[in-house]
């Protein structure tokens, strides 16, 4: 059974496109605990690519896959003020 968890943190770099079809992104996130998560985004990947920028605060909900990558199912990117 898959265990879903929610985390908050900061994007340490811009999202990178791993695969075109279906669109898959790699996102490194530094959590509040100080650990770096290697995350994968497939659901709503283009929207995530549009909204997410480096150093943005983010809240994510998802699970770990067999390769110990955090798969993001839902996310919230806090609005950045320039």
Protein backbone atom coordinates (compact mmCIF):
# COMPACT_ATOMS: atom_id res chain seq x y z
CA UNK A 1 0.00 0.00 0.00
CA UNK A 2 1.26 3.44 -0.93
CA UNK A 3 1.77 5.87 1.95
CA UNK A 4 1.06 9.48 1.01
CA UNK A 5 2.77 12.30 2.91
CA UNK A 6 2.85 16.09 2.73
CA UNK A 7 5.99 18.22 2.95
CA UNK A 8 6.96 21.87 2.76
CA UNK A 9 10.20 23.38 1.60
CA UNK A 10 12.04 25.48 -0.97
CA UNK A 11 12.91 24.71 -4.59
CA UNK A 12 16.70 24.68 -4.85
CA UNK A 13 16.82 24.87 -8.67
CA UNK A 14 14.61 25.35 -11.70
CA UNK A 15 12.54 22.29 -12.72
CA UNK A 16 14.19 20.17 -15.44
CA UNK A 17 12.31 18.29 -18.17
CA UNK A 18 13.28 14.60 -18.05
CA UNK A 19 10.82 13.27 -20.60
CA UNK A 20 8.68 14.98 -23.25
CA UNK A 21 5.77 12.54 -23.62
CA UNK A 22 4.28 12.26 -21.07
CA UNK A 23 5.87 15.39 -19.64
CA UNK A 24 8.00 14.48 -16.62
CA UNK A 25 9.95 16.95 -14.49
CA UNK A 26 12.78 16.61 -11.96
CA UNK A 27 12.66 19.03 -9.03
CA UNK A 28 15.10 19.20 -6.07
CA UNK A 29 13.39 20.44 -2.90
CA UNK A 30 15.09 21.43 0.35
CA UNK A 31 12.64 20.57 3.14
CA UNK A 32 12.14 22.44 6.39
CA UNK A 33 14.07 19.59 8.11
CA UNK A 34 17.14 20.39 5.99
CA UNK A 35 17.10 17.30 3.78
CA UNK A 36 17.10 17.44 -0.01
CA UNK A 37 14.36 15.50 -1.81
CA UNK A 38 14.68 14.34 -5.41
CA UNK A 39 11.15 14.82 -6.74
CA UNK A 40 9.36 13.77 -9.91
CA UNK A 41 6.30 15.59 -11.30
CA UNK A 42 4.07 13.94 -13.90
CA UNK A 43 0.55 15.09 -13.05
CA UNK A 44 0.07 18.72 -14.14
CA UNK A 45 3.76 18.93 -15.10
CA UNK A 46 3.35 21.81 -17.57
CA UNK A 47 1.47 23.88 -15.00
CA UNK A 48 4.19 23.13 -12.44
CA UNK A 49 6.87 24.17 -14.95
CA UNK A 50 5.04 27.46 -15.51
CA UNK A 51 4.53 28.30 -11.81
CA UNK A 52 7.67 26.99 -10.08
CA UNK A 53 10.89 29.00 -9.94
CA UNK A 54 14.14 28.54 -8.02
CA UNK A 55 13.96 29.58 -4.34
CA UNK A 56 10.15 29.46 -4.34
CA UNK A 57 8.39 28.17 -1.22
CA UNK A 58 6.37 25.04 -1.99
CA UNK A 59 4.05 22.56 -0.30
CA UNK A 60 3.80 19.10 -1.87
CA UNK A 61 1.71 15.96 -1.36
CA UNK A 62 2.81 12.62 -2.76
CA UNK A 63 4.58 9.32 -2.17
CA UNK A 64 7.95 7.60 -2.62
CA UNK A 65 8.39 5.23 -5.57
CA UNK A 66 10.58 2.11 -5.72
CA UNK A 67 13.63 4.21 -6.65
CA UNK A 68 13.18 6.36 -3.50
CA UNK A 69 12.15 9.39 -5.55
CA UNK A 70 9.33 11.50 -4.19
CA UNK A 71 6.46 11.54 -6.72
CA UNK A 72 4.42 14.73 -6.39
CA UNK A 73 0.66 14.29 -6.84
CA UNK A 74 -0.50 17.70 -5.59
CA UNK A 75 1.41 20.92 -4.98
CA UNK A 76 1.05 24.54 -3.98
CA UNK A 77 3.60 27.16 -5.03
CA UNK A 78 3.55 30.29 -2.90
CA UNK A 79 3.33 33.50 -4.94
CA UNK A 80 6.64 35.32 -5.23
CA UNK A 81 6.89 39.08 -4.90
CA UNK A 82 9.53 40.68 -7.10
